[in-house]
N, C-alpha and C. Protein backbone atom coordinates (compact mmCIF):
# COMPACT_ATOMS: atom_id res chain seq x y z
N MET A 1 -22.51 -2.69 8.33
CA MET A 1 -21.73 -1.19 7.90
C MET A 1 -21.55 -0.76 6.61
N THR A 2 -21.39 0.39 6.07
CA THR A 2 -21.41 0.86 5.27
C THR A 2 -20.30 0.86 4.43
N SER A 3 -19.50 0.43 2.78
CA SER A 3 -18.54 0.78 2.08
C SER A 3 -17.92 1.76 2.45
N LEU A 4 -17.12 2.62 2.75
CA LEU A 4 -16.28 3.19 1.93
C LEU A 4 -15.67 3.38 1.50
N THR A 5 -15.65 4.94 -0.05
CA THR A 5 -14.62 5.04 -0.34
C THR A 5 -13.53 5.59 0.45
N LEU A 6 -12.31 5.21 0.59
CA LEU A 6 -11.05 6.19 1.09
C LEU A 6 -10.68 6.60 -0.09
N PHE A 7 -9.99 6.35 -1.17
CA PHE A 7 -9.58 7.05 -2.36
C PHE A 7 -10.48 6.55 -3.73
N ASP A 8 -10.52 7.69 -4.41
CA ASP A 8 -10.91 7.40 -6.01
C ASP A 8 -10.17 8.20 -6.73
N PHE A 9 -9.60 7.33 -7.48
CA PHE A 9 -8.08 7.82 -8.34
C PHE A 9 -8.46 8.72 -9.40
N SER A 10 -9.79 8.87 -9.59
CA SER A 10 -10.19 9.40 -10.95
C SER A 10 -10.25 10.73 -10.24
N ASP A 11 -10.28 11.27 -9.61
CA ASP A 11 -9.42 12.68 -9.28
C ASP A 11 -8.43 13.14 -8.46
N PRO A 12 -7.72 13.73 -9.40
CA PRO A 12 -6.06 13.95 -9.03
C PRO A 12 -5.62 14.39 -8.15
N SER A 13 -6.86 15.16 -6.64
CA SER A 13 -6.23 15.09 -5.77
C SER A 13 -5.92 14.40 -4.76
N ALA A 14 -6.73 12.95 -5.06
CA ALA A 14 -6.84 11.41 -4.65
C ALA A 14 -5.06 10.50 -4.93
N ALA A 15 -4.52 11.28 -5.99
CA ALA A 15 -2.94 11.04 -6.07
C ALA A 15 -1.90 11.81 -5.14
N ARG A 16 -2.55 12.83 -5.59
CA ARG A 16 -1.82 14.20 -4.35
C ARG A 16 -1.34 13.62 -2.78
N ALA A 17 -2.48 13.07 -2.75
CA ALA A 17 -2.36 12.66 -1.49
C ALA A 17 -1.15 11.59 -0.71
N TRP A 18 -0.67 11.07 -1.82
CA TRP A 18 0.26 9.86 -1.88
C TRP A 18 1.96 10.21 -1.86
N ARG A 19 2.84 9.57 -1.18
CA ARG A 19 4.41 9.98 -1.05
C ARG A 19 4.94 9.08 -1.34
N SER A 20 6.33 8.95 -2.13
CA SER A 20 7.15 7.62 -2.36
C SER A 20 7.69 7.38 -0.69
N ILE A 21 8.05 6.35 -0.53
CA ILE A 21 8.79 6.19 0.88
C ILE A 21 9.53 4.65 -0.06
N ASP A 22 10.99 4.66 -0.72
CA ASP A 22 11.45 3.57 -1.52
C ASP A 22 12.92 3.24 -0.91
N ASP A 23 13.85 2.35 -0.79
CA ASP A 23 14.36 2.14 -0.31
C ASP A 23 16.00 2.88 0.26
N VAL A 24 15.72 3.94 -0.89
CA VAL A 24 17.01 5.54 -0.73
C VAL A 24 17.23 5.89 0.57
N VAL A 25 16.07 5.74 1.32
CA VAL A 25 15.85 5.86 2.90
C VAL A 25 17.43 5.48 3.41
N MET A 26 17.72 3.98 3.39
CA MET A 26 18.78 2.93 3.56
C MET A 26 19.94 3.10 2.79
N GLY A 27 19.90 4.11 1.69
CA GLY A 27 21.30 3.54 1.08
C GLY A 27 20.76 2.89 -0.49
N GLY A 28 19.61 2.42 -0.96
CA GLY A 28 19.03 1.31 -1.87
C GLY A 28 19.06 2.70 -2.79
N ARG A 29 18.55 1.27 -4.13
CA ARG A 29 18.34 2.93 -5.75
C ARG A 29 17.17 2.47 -6.56
N SER A 30 15.83 2.06 -5.29
CA SER A 30 14.99 1.71 -6.11
C SER A 30 14.07 3.15 -6.26
N ALA A 31 13.40 3.24 -6.70
CA ALA A 31 12.12 4.45 -7.06
C ALA A 31 10.82 4.23 -7.98
N SER A 32 9.78 4.88 -6.97
CA SER A 32 8.20 4.76 -7.65
C SER A 32 7.99 6.14 -7.39
N ALA A 33 6.79 5.75 -7.84
CA ALA A 33 6.39 6.85 -7.72
C ALA A 33 4.44 6.57 -7.77
N LEU A 34 3.68 7.62 -7.31
CA LEU A 34 1.77 7.16 -7.78
C LEU A 34 1.73 8.71 -8.67
N GLU A 35 1.65 8.20 -9.78
CA GLU A 35 0.74 9.27 -10.89
C GLU A 35 -0.64 9.00 -11.23
N PHE A 36 -0.83 10.45 -11.56
CA PHE A 36 -2.25 10.16 -11.67
C PHE A 36 -2.49 10.25 -13.41
N LEU A 37 -3.35 9.31 -13.86
CA LEU A 37 -3.42 9.29 -15.27
C LEU A 37 -4.75 9.69 -16.12
N GLY A 38 -5.85 10.39 -15.62
CA GLY A 38 -6.55 11.01 -15.85
C GLY A 38 -8.18 9.78 -15.20
N ASP A 39 -8.32 8.87 -15.51
CA ASP A 39 -9.35 7.85 -15.10
C ASP A 39 -8.67 6.97 -13.38
N ARG A 40 -7.20 6.94 -13.37
CA ARG A 40 -6.96 6.09 -12.19
C ARG A 40 -5.54 6.70 -12.14
N ALA A 41 -4.89 6.55 -11.19
CA ALA A 41 -3.78 6.30 -10.69
C ALA A 41 -2.55 5.43 -10.84
N ALA A 42 -1.40 5.58 -11.49
CA ALA A 42 -0.20 4.18 -11.18
C ALA A 42 0.83 4.35 -10.42
N PHE A 43 1.21 3.41 -9.42
CA PHE A 43 1.89 3.00 -8.27
C PHE A 43 3.12 2.44 -9.84
N ARG A 44 3.94 3.14 -9.86
CA ARG A 44 5.48 2.55 -10.81
C ARG A 44 6.66 2.99 -10.43
N GLY A 45 7.53 2.15 -10.70
CA GLY A 45 8.87 2.21 -10.55
C GLY A 45 10.02 1.01 -10.62
N PHE A 46 11.04 1.41 -10.10
CA PHE A 46 11.83 0.00 -10.56
C PHE A 46 12.19 -0.49 -9.23
N VAL A 47 12.54 -1.73 -8.70
CA VAL A 47 13.17 -2.08 -7.49
C VAL A 47 14.54 -2.45 -8.08
N SER A 48 15.48 -1.86 -7.34
CA SER A 48 16.78 -2.23 -7.26
C SER A 48 17.48 -3.32 -6.12
N LEU A 49 18.17 -4.41 -6.13
CA LEU A 49 18.71 -4.98 -5.31
C LEU A 49 19.88 -4.06 -4.90
N GLU A 50 20.44 -3.38 -5.68
CA GLU A 50 21.82 -3.00 -5.54
C GLU A 50 21.97 -2.25 -3.87
N ASN A 51 23.28 -2.31 -3.58
CA ASN A 51 22.97 -1.53 -2.14
C ASN A 51 22.24 -2.19 -1.05
N ASN A 52 22.10 -3.48 -0.66
CA ASN A 52 21.12 -3.85 -0.02
C ASN A 52 19.96 -3.23 0.13
N GLY A 53 19.50 -2.72 -1.14
CA GLY A 53 18.15 -1.79 -1.38
C GLY A 53 16.94 -3.51 -1.24
N GLY A 54 16.10 -3.25 -1.81
CA GLY A 54 14.80 -4.10 -2.46
C GLY A 54 13.51 -3.41 -2.36
N PHE A 55 13.01 -2.40 -2.19
CA PHE A 55 11.83 -2.07 -2.27
C PHE A 55 11.07 -0.89 -2.44
N ALA A 56 10.39 -0.46 -3.12
CA ALA A 56 9.31 0.68 -3.48
C ALA A 56 8.25 0.93 -3.07
N SER A 57 7.80 1.73 -2.71
CA SER A 57 6.49 1.90 -1.63
C SER A 57 5.95 3.45 -1.63
N VAL A 58 4.51 3.25 -1.55
CA VAL A 58 3.82 5.03 -1.57
C VAL A 58 3.32 4.37 -0.45
N ARG A 59 2.77 5.89 0.05
CA ARG A 59 1.69 6.33 1.38
C ARG A 59 0.97 6.99 1.49
N CYS A 60 0.02 6.73 1.80
CA CYS A 60 -0.82 8.24 2.09
C CYS A 60 -0.45 9.34 3.00
N LEU A 61 -0.65 10.78 3.18
CA LEU A 61 -0.37 11.47 3.97
C LEU A 61 -1.66 11.21 5.32
N PRO A 62 -1.04 11.07 6.59
CA PRO A 62 -1.24 10.54 7.83
C PRO A 62 -2.78 10.77 7.82
N ARG A 63 -3.90 10.75 8.29
CA ARG A 63 -5.10 11.27 8.25
C ARG A 63 -5.93 10.00 9.04
N ALA A 64 -7.15 10.21 9.78
CA ALA A 64 -7.67 9.32 10.18
C ALA A 64 -8.62 8.97 9.71
N LEU A 65 -8.64 7.53 8.87
CA LEU A 65 -9.32 6.74 7.45
C LEU A 65 -10.56 6.25 8.26
N GLY A 66 -10.84 6.48 8.83
CA GLY A 66 -12.75 6.23 9.69
C GLY A 66 -12.96 4.62 9.02
N LEU A 67 -11.93 3.86 9.64
CA LEU A 67 -12.48 2.41 9.30
C LEU A 67 -13.27 1.69 10.68
N ALA A 68 -13.52 2.60 11.00
CA ALA A 68 -14.01 1.54 12.67
C ALA A 68 -15.38 1.14 12.25
N GLY A 69 -15.43 0.14 12.55
CA GLY A 69 -16.35 -1.41 12.07
C GLY A 69 -16.66 -1.89 10.85
N GLN A 70 -15.52 -1.66 9.87
CA GLN A 70 -15.20 -2.26 8.84
C GLN A 70 -13.96 -3.39 9.10
N ARG A 71 -14.45 -4.88 8.06
CA ARG A 71 -13.79 -5.90 8.03
C ARG A 71 -12.68 -5.67 7.22
N GLY A 72 -12.41 -5.21 5.93
CA GLY A 72 -11.26 -4.78 5.37
C GLY A 72 -11.06 -3.72 4.35
N LEU A 73 -9.79 -3.76 3.18
CA LEU A 73 -10.33 -2.94 2.39
C LEU A 73 -10.28 -3.61 0.60
N GLU A 74 -11.28 -3.11 -0.02
CA GLU A 74 -11.15 -3.83 -1.49
C GLU A 74 -10.49 -2.77 -2.55
N LEU A 75 -9.78 -3.08 -3.14
CA LEU A 75 -8.72 -2.48 -4.12
C LEU A 75 -9.13 -2.67 -5.59
N ASP A 76 -9.63 -1.82 -6.66
CA ASP A 76 -9.60 -1.93 -7.84
C ASP A 76 -8.45 -1.39 -8.35
N LEU A 77 -8.13 -2.69 -9.47
CA LEU A 77 -7.22 -2.13 -9.84
C LEU A 77 -6.77 -3.46 -10.78
N ILE A 78 -5.81 -3.18 -11.83
CA ILE A 78 -4.88 -3.40 -12.69
C ILE A 78 -3.53 -4.26 -12.34
N GLY A 79 -2.94 -4.99 -12.22
CA GLY A 79 -1.92 -5.62 -11.52
C GLY A 79 -1.01 -5.95 -12.51
N ASP A 80 0.38 -6.07 -12.64
CA ASP A 80 1.41 -7.02 -13.58
C ASP A 80 2.02 -7.71 -13.26
N GLY A 81 1.09 -8.65 -11.91
CA GLY A 81 1.56 -9.82 -11.31
C GLY A 81 2.29 -9.82 -10.65
N HIS A 82 2.98 -8.89 -10.05
CA HIS A 82 3.95 -8.68 -8.66
C HIS A 82 3.24 -9.37 -7.92
N ALA A 83 3.58 -9.71 -6.40
CA ALA A 83 3.69 -9.78 -5.13
C ALA A 83 3.36 -8.41 -4.80
N CYS A 84 2.20 -7.80 -4.00
CA CYS A 84 2.65 -6.45 -3.35
C CYS A 84 2.38 -6.60 -2.00
N LYS A 85 2.41 -5.76 -1.33
CA LYS A 85 1.73 -5.20 0.13
C LYS A 85 0.76 -4.38 0.42
N LEU A 86 -0.01 -4.71 0.90
CA LEU A 86 -0.84 -3.41 1.61
C LEU A 86 -0.25 -3.25 3.10
N GLY A 87 -0.32 -2.25 3.39
CA GLY A 87 0.30 -1.67 4.78
C GLY A 87 -0.94 -0.72 5.66
N LEU A 88 -0.98 -0.93 7.04
CA LEU A 88 -2.35 -0.12 7.13
C LEU A 88 -0.97 0.59 8.57
N ARG A 89 -1.23 1.66 9.14
CA ARG A 89 -0.30 1.95 10.44
C ARG A 89 -1.39 2.92 11.14
N LEU A 90 -1.28 2.51 12.65
CA LEU A 90 -2.16 3.18 13.32
C LEU A 90 -1.28 4.65 14.26
N ASP A 91 -0.43 5.22 13.45
CA ASP A 91 -0.17 6.51 14.13
C ASP A 91 0.41 7.23 13.08
N ASP A 92 1.11 8.48 13.44
CA ASP A 92 1.45 9.52 12.21
C ASP A 92 2.71 9.56 11.76
N ASP A 93 3.63 8.36 12.88
CA ASP A 93 5.05 8.56 12.99
C ASP A 93 5.51 7.65 11.21
N PHE A 94 6.78 8.00 10.78
CA PHE A 94 7.00 7.53 9.39
C PHE A 94 7.72 6.25 9.75
N ASP A 95 8.12 5.89 10.98
CA ASP A 95 8.93 4.60 11.04
C ASP A 95 7.79 3.69 12.23
N GLY A 96 7.50 2.84 12.31
CA GLY A 96 7.24 2.21 13.50
C GLY A 96 6.67 0.78 12.89
N ILE A 97 5.44 0.56 13.61
CA ILE A 97 4.87 -0.82 12.97
C ILE A 97 3.75 -0.83 12.11
N THR A 98 3.52 -1.71 11.46
CA THR A 98 3.12 -1.65 10.30
C THR A 98 2.66 -2.96 9.91
N TYR A 99 0.43 -2.67 9.92
CA TYR A 99 -0.09 -4.31 9.61
C TYR A 99 -0.03 -4.62 8.53
N GLN A 100 0.55 -5.55 7.75
CA GLN A 100 0.17 -5.94 6.45
C GLN A 100 -0.23 -7.22 5.69
N ALA A 101 -0.47 -7.17 4.81
CA ALA A 101 -1.12 -8.02 4.08
C ALA A 101 -0.32 -8.22 2.88
N THR A 102 0.09 -9.66 2.18
CA THR A 102 0.87 -9.89 0.71
C THR A 102 -0.59 -10.33 -0.11
N PHE A 103 -0.62 -9.39 -1.49
CA PHE A 103 -1.88 -9.90 -2.78
C PHE A 103 -0.79 -9.98 -3.66
N THR A 104 -1.69 -10.73 -4.21
CA THR A 104 -0.90 -10.15 -5.89
C THR A 104 -2.61 -10.12 -6.88
N ALA A 105 -2.12 -9.15 -7.75
CA ALA A 105 -3.16 -8.88 -8.39
C ALA A 105 -2.95 -9.39 -10.12
N PRO A 106 -4.02 -9.91 -10.70
CA PRO A 106 -4.16 -10.62 -11.67
C PRO A 106 -3.07 -9.55 -12.66
N ALA A 107 -2.08 -10.21 -13.67
CA ALA A 107 -1.71 -8.99 -14.80
C ALA A 107 -2.47 -8.91 -15.65
N GLY A 108 -2.60 -7.60 -16.19
CA GLY A 108 -3.05 -7.05 -17.15
C GLY A 108 -4.87 -6.98 -17.60
N ARG A 109 -5.50 -7.15 -16.20
CA ARG A 109 -6.43 -7.49 -16.32
C ARG A 109 -7.36 -6.43 -15.17
N ARG A 110 -8.84 -5.95 -15.02
CA ARG A 110 -8.85 -4.97 -14.14
C ARG A 110 -9.56 -5.85 -13.18
N SER A 111 -9.25 -6.11 -11.57
CA SER A 111 -9.44 -6.75 -11.20
C SER A 111 -10.17 -6.11 -9.32
N LEU A 112 -10.71 -6.55 -8.47
CA LEU A 112 -10.89 -6.64 -7.25
C LEU A 112 -10.10 -7.88 -5.97
N VAL A 113 -9.47 -6.47 -5.37
CA VAL A 113 -8.56 -7.26 -4.71
C VAL A 113 -9.20 -7.13 -2.99
N ARG A 114 -9.51 -8.41 -2.81
CA ARG A 114 -9.94 -7.74 -1.14
C ARG A 114 -8.53 -8.05 0.04
N VAL A 115 -8.61 -7.75 0.82
CA VAL A 115 -7.88 -7.99 1.86
C VAL A 115 -8.07 -7.69 3.30
N ASP A 116 -8.76 -8.83 3.94
CA ASP A 116 -9.83 -8.91 5.36
C ASP A 116 -8.65 -8.05 6.38
N PHE A 117 -9.04 -7.64 7.13
CA PHE A 117 -8.36 -6.89 8.34
C PHE A 117 -7.55 -8.24 9.29
N ALA A 118 -8.12 -9.33 9.35
CA ALA A 118 -7.71 -10.49 10.51
C ALA A 118 -6.40 -11.27 9.58
N GLU A 119 -6.54 -11.06 7.88
CA GLU A 119 -5.20 -11.28 7.44
C GLU A 119 -4.11 -10.04 7.62
N LEU A 120 -4.12 -9.29 8.62
CA LEU A 120 -3.05 -8.26 8.79
C LEU A 120 -1.66 -8.65 9.73
N VAL A 121 -0.92 -8.95 9.60
CA VAL A 121 0.39 -9.17 10.57
C VAL A 121 1.18 -7.94 10.68
N PRO A 122 1.41 -7.59 12.13
CA PRO A 122 2.44 -6.33 12.69
C PRO A 122 3.89 -6.97 12.19
N THR A 123 4.17 -6.04 11.35
CA THR A 123 5.58 -5.60 11.23
C THR A 123 6.13 -4.38 11.62
N PHE A 124 7.95 -4.59 11.73
CA PHE A 124 8.56 -3.11 11.60
C PHE A 124 9.82 -3.66 10.51
N ARG A 125 9.73 -2.72 9.83
CA ARG A 125 10.64 -3.04 8.50
C ARG A 125 10.65 -4.23 8.39
N GLY A 126 9.61 -4.86 7.60
CA GLY A 126 9.55 -6.13 7.24
C GLY A 126 9.50 -7.37 8.16
N ARG A 127 9.80 -7.03 9.14
CA ARG A 127 9.53 -8.70 9.86
C ARG A 127 8.94 -8.45 11.08
N ARG A 128 8.15 -9.38 11.43
CA ARG A 128 7.26 -9.74 12.31
C ARG A 128 6.94 -9.30 13.50
N VAL A 129 6.36 -8.56 14.45
CA VAL A 129 6.78 -8.21 15.53
C VAL A 129 5.68 -8.93 16.41
N PRO A 130 6.51 -10.27 16.89
CA PRO A 130 5.26 -11.11 18.25
C PRO A 130 4.83 -10.15 19.24
N GLY A 131 4.05 -10.69 19.66
CA GLY A 131 3.82 -9.50 20.86
C GLY A 131 3.49 -8.41 20.51
N ALA A 132 3.06 -7.97 19.49
CA ALA A 132 2.15 -6.26 18.83
C ALA A 132 0.80 -6.41 19.03
N PRO A 133 0.11 -5.21 19.59
CA PRO A 133 -1.00 -4.84 19.53
C PRO A 133 -1.64 -5.50 18.38
N ALA A 134 -3.12 -5.93 18.67
CA ALA A 134 -3.98 -6.25 17.21
C ALA A 134 -4.48 -5.37 16.60
N PHE A 135 -4.32 -4.82 15.14
CA PHE A 135 -4.69 -3.95 14.40
C PHE A 135 -6.31 -3.52 14.77
N GLU A 136 -5.90 -2.29 14.88
CA GLU A 136 -7.25 -1.76 15.42
C GLU A 136 -7.88 -0.88 14.52
N PRO A 137 -8.89 -0.99 13.48
CA PRO A 137 -9.51 -0.39 12.17
C PRO A 137 -9.74 1.21 12.60
N ALA A 138 -10.20 1.35 13.48
CA ALA A 138 -10.44 3.21 14.43
C ALA A 138 -9.30 3.66 14.32
N ARG A 139 -8.63 2.91 14.71
CA ARG A 139 -7.58 3.75 14.76
C ARG A 139 -5.95 4.30 13.67
N ALA A 140 -6.53 3.63 12.23
CA ALA A 140 -5.76 3.53 10.89
C ALA A 140 -5.42 4.73 10.52
N THR A 141 -4.40 5.25 10.54
CA THR A 141 -4.33 6.65 10.02
C THR A 141 -3.30 6.62 8.71
N GLN A 142 -2.95 5.61 8.31
CA GLN A 142 -1.98 5.68 7.02
C GLN A 142 -2.37 4.51 6.16
N LEU A 143 -2.03 4.82 5.49
CA LEU A 143 -2.25 3.03 4.01
C LEU A 143 -1.34 3.43 3.06
N GLY A 144 -0.92 2.43 2.53
CA GLY A 144 0.72 2.35 2.09
C GLY A 144 0.39 0.72 1.19
N LEU A 145 1.06 1.04 0.02
CA LEU A 145 1.55 -0.41 -0.74
C LEU A 145 2.81 -0.22 -1.17
N LEU A 146 3.37 -1.96 -0.87
CA LEU A 146 5.27 -2.19 -1.28
C LEU A 146 5.29 -3.15 -2.43
N VAL A 147 6.35 -3.00 -3.31
CA VAL A 147 6.76 -4.07 -4.50
C VAL A 147 7.61 -4.14 -3.56
N GLY A 148 8.34 -5.60 -3.09
CA GLY A 148 9.24 -5.94 -2.27
C GLY A 148 9.73 -7.10 -2.49
N ASP A 149 10.37 -7.64 -1.58
CA ASP A 149 10.78 -9.01 -1.67
C ASP A 149 11.45 -9.74 -2.84
N LYS A 150 12.96 -8.66 -2.85
CA LYS A 150 13.43 -9.44 -3.99
C LYS A 150 12.93 -9.41 -5.40
N GLN A 151 12.31 -8.93 -5.77
CA GLN A 151 10.99 -8.85 -6.93
C GLN A 151 12.18 -7.49 -7.84
N ALA A 152 12.99 -7.79 -8.25
CA ALA A 152 14.09 -6.60 -9.03
C ALA A 152 13.48 -6.26 -10.13
N GLY A 153 13.35 -5.43 -10.65
CA GLY A 153 12.98 -4.27 -11.96
C GLY A 153 11.65 -3.72 -12.12
N PRO A 154 11.25 -3.50 -13.21
CA PRO A 154 9.92 -2.67 -13.64
C PRO A 154 9.06 -3.41 -12.64
N PHE A 155 7.75 -2.34 -12.24
CA PHE A 155 6.46 -2.50 -11.89
C PHE A 155 5.38 -1.82 -12.32
N SER A 156 4.48 -1.89 -12.33
CA SER A 156 3.42 -1.14 -12.72
C SER A 156 1.95 -1.64 -11.37
N LEU A 157 0.91 -0.75 -11.07
CA LEU A 157 0.01 -1.24 -10.39
C LEU A 157 -0.87 0.02 -10.55
N GLU A 158 -2.28 -0.52 -11.48
CA GLU A 158 -3.38 0.88 -11.81
C GLU A 158 -4.22 1.03 -11.26
N LEU A 159 -4.15 1.91 -10.29
CA LEU A 159 -5.51 1.80 -8.88
C LEU A 159 -6.92 2.81 -9.45
N PHE A 160 -8.10 2.09 -9.59
CA PHE A 160 -8.96 3.32 -9.65
C PHE A 160 -9.51 3.35 -8.60
N ALA A 161 -9.24 3.00 -7.29
CA ALA A 161 -10.26 2.98 -5.84
C ALA A 161 -9.68 2.10 -5.04
N ILE A 162 -9.59 2.56 -4.07
CA ILE A 162 -9.21 2.20 -2.58
C ILE A 162 -10.71 2.18 -1.74
N ARG A 163 -11.78 1.15 -1.40
CA ARG A 163 -12.87 0.55 -0.23
C ARG A 163 -13.12 0.35 0.65
N SER A 164 -13.51 0.51 1.83
CA SER A 164 -13.85 -0.54 2.74
C SER A 164 -14.55 -1.57 2.62
N PHE A 165 -15.07 -2.33 3.67
CA PHE A 165 -15.63 -3.27 3.43
C PHE A 165 -16.83 -3.55 4.77
């Protein structure tokens, strides 16, 4: 199967297709955004543990991602050493099962991070969902990134592109 570019962040419309969903939805105080920087976008923000908070995330607007026959996703990025979660959803709902995998991008240098779909774990609000259906790439409609796991403080993840493989 041929590689597919899902998001080319040198195009400002790619960054506009993402929305922040931070712990403020449950009373927390974290904040984040995906900002266009010219030749890339940056997922930046601050994770606060106040008020039982602890996560910041961004998610693309729902649409068919066209991942049938693909094995995983490759992120072309510059990290800051924080552990991040990549999440995929099979529906257009705001809440529900998210298939997640954790990755850590090396700090300060451009790199390619690959996440195989076989690594994805079904979760609901950060907790494993035993017995959940397997991830089906052909049904993927939302893609997101999250910084959490009690990593309080500022973070930055610069994105050049997200492709399938």
